[in-house]
Protein backbone atom coordinates (compact mmCIF):
# COMPACT_ATOMS: atom_id res chain seq x y z
CA UNK A 1 0.01 -0.01 -0.03
CA UNK A 2 1.45 3.36 -0.97
CA UNK A 3 0.51 6.76 0.46
CA UNK A 4 1.28 10.19 -1.00
CA UNK A 5 1.75 12.72 1.79
CA UNK A 6 1.38 16.42 0.93
CA UNK A 7 4.80 17.95 0.52
CA UNK A 8 6.56 14.57 0.81
CA UNK A 9 7.57 11.73 -1.37
CA UNK A 10 5.52 8.62 -1.88
CA UNK A 11 6.24 5.99 0.71
CA UNK A 12 4.97 2.68 1.95
CA UNK A 13 2.60 2.45 4.92
CA UNK A 14 5.41 1.38 7.23
CA UNK A 15 7.36 4.54 6.56
CA UNK A 16 4.78 7.17 7.57
CA UNK A 17 6.32 10.18 9.14
CA UNK A 18 7.07 9.80 12.81
CA UNK A 19 7.24 12.94 14.91
CA UNK A 20 10.40 13.84 16.74
CA UNK A 21 8.72 13.51 20.13
CA UNK A 22 7.66 10.00 19.23
CA UNK A 23 11.21 9.06 18.27
CA UNK A 24 12.59 10.61 21.46
CA UNK A 25 10.18 8.84 23.69
CA UNK A 26 10.57 5.48 21.88
CA UNK A 27 14.40 5.77 22.35
CA UNK A 28 14.06 6.72 26.01
CA UNK A 29 11.70 3.74 26.67
CA UNK A 30 14.18 1.40 24.94
CA UNK A 31 17.04 2.76 26.95
CA UNK A 32 15.19 2.36 30.25
CA UNK A 33 14.27 -1.21 29.32
CA UNK A 34 17.92 -2.03 28.57
CA UNK A 35 19.04 -0.41 31.78
CA UNK A 36 16.55 -2.46 33.80
CA UNK A 37 17.59 -5.65 32.02
CA UNK A 38 21.26 -4.94 32.86
CA UNK A 39 20.45 -4.17 36.54
CA UNK A 40 18.32 -7.31 36.90
CA UNK A 41 21.16 -9.61 35.73
CA UNK A 42 22.50 -11.84 38.50
CA UNK A 43 25.94 -10.74 39.57
CA UNK A 44 28.81 -12.93 40.86
CA UNK A 45 30.86 -10.84 43.32
CA UNK A 46 34.65 -11.34 43.14
CA UNK A 47 36.86 -11.10 46.17
CA UNK A 48 40.26 -9.60 45.22
């Protein structure tokens, strides 16, 4: 399926314009998820 957006090139449905705030919030959510995954990993303390 192809859409023509006013002032923009023709593009597929999966490439519709994403606003900057959506990109920023998606990247922040992904970063927080990665941080939580890292912090939840079991650690093995080393002495010395």
